Amino acid sequence: TLFKTLAISFSTMTLFTGITPLYGSSLLYAGPASLVWGWVVVTFFTWFVGVAMSEICSSFP
């Protein structure tokens, strides 16, 4: 439905605004490398969640 599509789009776009408050403490305690490598690690595991969800969805007709 239209509502589901809008909800998924909104939750994806607000990811960047949701992590903005964490920039200060991350840069203060760990430096810019923590932002880069943290983003890489989280992206890697998020990809696995997407693969698992696609496998589950492909089993239903």
N, C-alpha and C. Protein backbone atom coordinates (compact mmCIF):
# COMPACT_ATOMS: atom_id res chain seq x y z
N THR A 1 0.83 -1.18 0.00
CA THR A 1 0.00 0.00 0.00
C THR A 1 0.88 1.25 0.00
N LEU A 2 0.25 2.35 -0.22
CA LEU A 2 0.97 3.62 -0.25
C LEU A 2 1.57 3.94 1.12
N PHE A 3 0.83 3.64 2.19
CA PHE A 3 1.33 3.94 3.53
C PHE A 3 2.59 3.14 3.84
N LYS A 4 2.61 1.87 3.48
CA LYS A 4 3.79 1.04 3.73
C LYS A 4 5.00 1.55 2.95
N THR A 5 4.77 1.93 1.71
CA THR A 5 5.86 2.45 0.90
C THR A 5 6.42 3.74 1.48
N LEU A 6 5.55 4.62 1.91
CA LEU A 6 6.00 5.87 2.52
C LEU A 6 6.72 5.61 3.84
N ALA A 7 6.24 4.66 4.63
CA ALA A 7 6.87 4.36 5.91
C ALA A 7 8.28 3.80 5.72
N ILE A 8 8.45 2.92 4.75
CA ILE A 8 9.78 2.37 4.49
C ILE A 8 10.72 3.45 3.98
N SER A 9 10.24 4.29 3.09
CA SER A 9 11.07 5.37 2.56
C SER A 9 11.47 6.35 3.66
N PHE A 10 10.53 6.69 4.52
CA PHE A 10 10.83 7.63 5.60
C PHE A 10 11.83 7.05 6.58
N SER A 11 11.68 5.77 6.94
CA SER A 11 12.61 5.17 7.89
C SER A 11 14.01 5.04 7.31
N THR A 12 14.11 4.86 6.01
CA THR A 12 15.42 4.79 5.38
C THR A 12 16.08 6.16 5.34
N MET A 13 15.33 7.18 5.04
CA MET A 13 15.90 8.53 4.93
C MET A 13 16.29 9.10 6.28
N THR A 14 15.60 8.74 7.35
CA THR A 14 15.91 9.32 8.65
C THR A 14 17.07 8.63 9.34
N LEU A 15 17.68 7.68 8.69
CA LEU A 15 18.85 7.03 9.27
C LEU A 15 19.96 8.04 9.50
N PHE A 16 20.17 8.93 8.54
CA PHE A 16 21.24 9.90 8.67
C PHE A 16 20.96 10.92 9.76
N THR A 17 19.73 11.33 9.92
CA THR A 17 19.40 12.28 10.98
C THR A 17 19.39 11.61 12.34
N GLY A 18 19.19 10.32 12.38
CA GLY A 18 19.19 9.61 13.65
C GLY A 18 20.57 9.41 14.24
N ILE A 19 21.59 9.35 13.40
CA ILE A 19 22.94 9.13 13.91
C ILE A 19 23.73 10.42 14.08
N THR A 20 23.18 11.54 13.65
CA THR A 20 23.89 12.81 13.75
C THR A 20 24.27 13.17 15.19
N PRO A 21 23.42 12.96 16.19
CA PRO A 21 23.84 13.29 17.57
C PRO A 21 25.02 12.45 18.06
N LEU A 22 25.30 11.34 17.43
CA LEU A 22 26.40 10.48 17.86
C LEU A 22 27.74 10.91 17.29
N TYR A 23 27.74 11.84 16.35
CA TYR A 23 29.00 12.26 15.73
C TYR A 23 29.96 12.87 16.74
N GLY A 24 29.45 13.71 17.62
CA GLY A 24 30.32 14.41 18.57
C GLY A 24 31.07 13.46 19.48
N SER A 25 30.37 12.55 20.11
CA SER A 25 31.04 11.62 21.03
C SER A 25 31.93 10.65 20.29
N SER A 26 31.54 10.25 19.10
CA SER A 26 32.38 9.35 18.33
C SER A 26 33.69 10.02 17.92
N LEU A 27 33.61 11.24 17.47
CA LEU A 27 34.82 11.96 17.09
C LEU A 27 35.68 12.29 18.31
N LEU A 28 35.05 12.58 19.44
CA LEU A 28 35.79 12.93 20.64
C LEU A 28 36.56 11.74 21.21
N TYR A 29 35.92 10.58 21.29
CA TYR A 29 36.54 9.44 21.94
C TYR A 29 37.31 8.52 21.01
N ALA A 30 36.94 8.44 19.75
CA ALA A 30 37.59 7.47 18.88
C ALA A 30 38.17 8.07 17.60
N GLY A 31 37.77 9.25 17.23
CA GLY A 31 38.32 9.88 16.03
C GLY A 31 37.52 9.55 14.79
N PRO A 32 37.94 10.15 13.67
CA PRO A 32 37.19 9.96 12.43
C PRO A 32 37.22 8.53 11.90
N ALA A 33 38.23 7.78 12.25
CA ALA A 33 38.30 6.40 11.78
C ALA A 33 37.14 5.57 12.33
N SER A 34 36.67 5.91 13.53
CA SER A 34 35.55 5.16 14.09
C SER A 34 34.28 5.36 13.27
N LEU A 35 34.11 6.55 12.72
CA LEU A 35 32.93 6.79 11.89
C LEU A 35 33.01 5.98 10.60
N VAL A 36 34.18 5.97 9.98
CA VAL A 36 34.33 5.27 8.71
C VAL A 36 34.20 3.77 8.91
N TRP A 37 34.97 3.22 9.83
CA TRP A 37 34.93 1.77 10.03
C TRP A 37 33.63 1.32 10.66
N GLY A 38 33.05 2.13 11.50
CA GLY A 38 31.74 1.80 12.05
C GLY A 38 30.68 1.73 10.97
N TRP A 39 30.74 2.67 10.03
CA TRP A 39 29.79 2.67 8.92
C TRP A 39 29.98 1.41 8.07
N VAL A 40 31.23 1.02 7.83
CA VAL A 40 31.51 -0.17 7.02
C VAL A 40 30.99 -1.43 7.71
N VAL A 41 31.25 -1.55 9.00
CA VAL A 41 30.82 -2.74 9.74
C VAL A 41 29.30 -2.83 9.79
N VAL A 42 28.65 -1.73 10.09
CA VAL A 42 27.19 -1.72 10.16
C VAL A 42 26.57 -2.01 8.80
N THR A 43 27.15 -1.46 7.74
CA THR A 43 26.66 -1.74 6.39
C THR A 43 26.79 -3.21 6.05
N PHE A 44 27.90 -3.81 6.44
CA PHE A 44 28.14 -5.23 6.18
C PHE A 44 27.07 -6.09 6.84
N PHE A 45 26.77 -5.83 8.11
CA PHE A 45 25.78 -6.65 8.80
C PHE A 45 24.35 -6.31 8.36
N THR A 46 24.10 -5.08 7.97
CA THR A 46 22.79 -4.73 7.44
C THR A 46 22.53 -5.45 6.13
N TRP A 47 23.58 -5.64 5.35
CA TRP A 47 23.45 -6.40 4.11
C TRP A 47 23.00 -7.83 4.41
N PHE A 48 23.53 -8.44 5.47
CA PHE A 48 23.10 -9.79 5.84
C PHE A 48 21.64 -9.82 6.26
N VAL A 49 21.18 -8.79 6.93
CA VAL A 49 19.76 -8.73 7.29
C VAL A 49 18.91 -8.67 6.03
N GLY A 50 19.33 -7.88 5.05
CA GLY A 50 18.60 -7.80 3.79
C GLY A 50 18.58 -9.12 3.05
N VAL A 51 19.70 -9.82 3.05
CA VAL A 51 19.77 -11.13 2.39
C VAL A 51 18.85 -12.13 3.09
N ALA A 52 18.85 -12.12 4.42
CA ALA A 52 17.99 -13.03 5.17
C ALA A 52 16.51 -12.73 4.91
N MET A 53 16.17 -11.45 4.87
CA MET A 53 14.77 -11.09 4.61
C MET A 53 14.37 -11.46 3.18
N SER A 54 15.28 -11.33 2.23
CA SER A 54 14.94 -11.71 0.85
C SER A 54 14.77 -13.22 0.73
N GLU A 55 15.54 -13.98 1.48
CA GLU A 55 15.36 -15.43 1.47
C GLU A 55 14.01 -15.82 2.06
N ILE A 56 13.63 -15.17 3.13
CA ILE A 56 12.33 -15.46 3.75
C ILE A 56 11.21 -15.09 2.80
N CYS A 57 11.31 -13.93 2.17
CA CYS A 57 10.25 -13.48 1.26
C CYS A 57 10.18 -14.33 0.00
N SER A 58 11.30 -14.88 -0.43
CA SER A 58 11.27 -15.69 -1.65
C SER A 58 10.63 -17.05 -1.42
N SER A 59 10.49 -17.46 -0.17
CA SER A 59 9.87 -18.76 0.10
C SER A 59 8.34 -18.69 0.04
N PHE A 60 7.79 -17.49 0.08
CA PHE A 60 6.34 -17.32 -0.01
C PHE A 60 5.95 -16.99 -1.44
N PRO A 61 4.84 -17.57 -1.91
CA PRO A 61 4.43 -17.29 -3.30
C PRO A 61 3.89 -15.89 -3.49
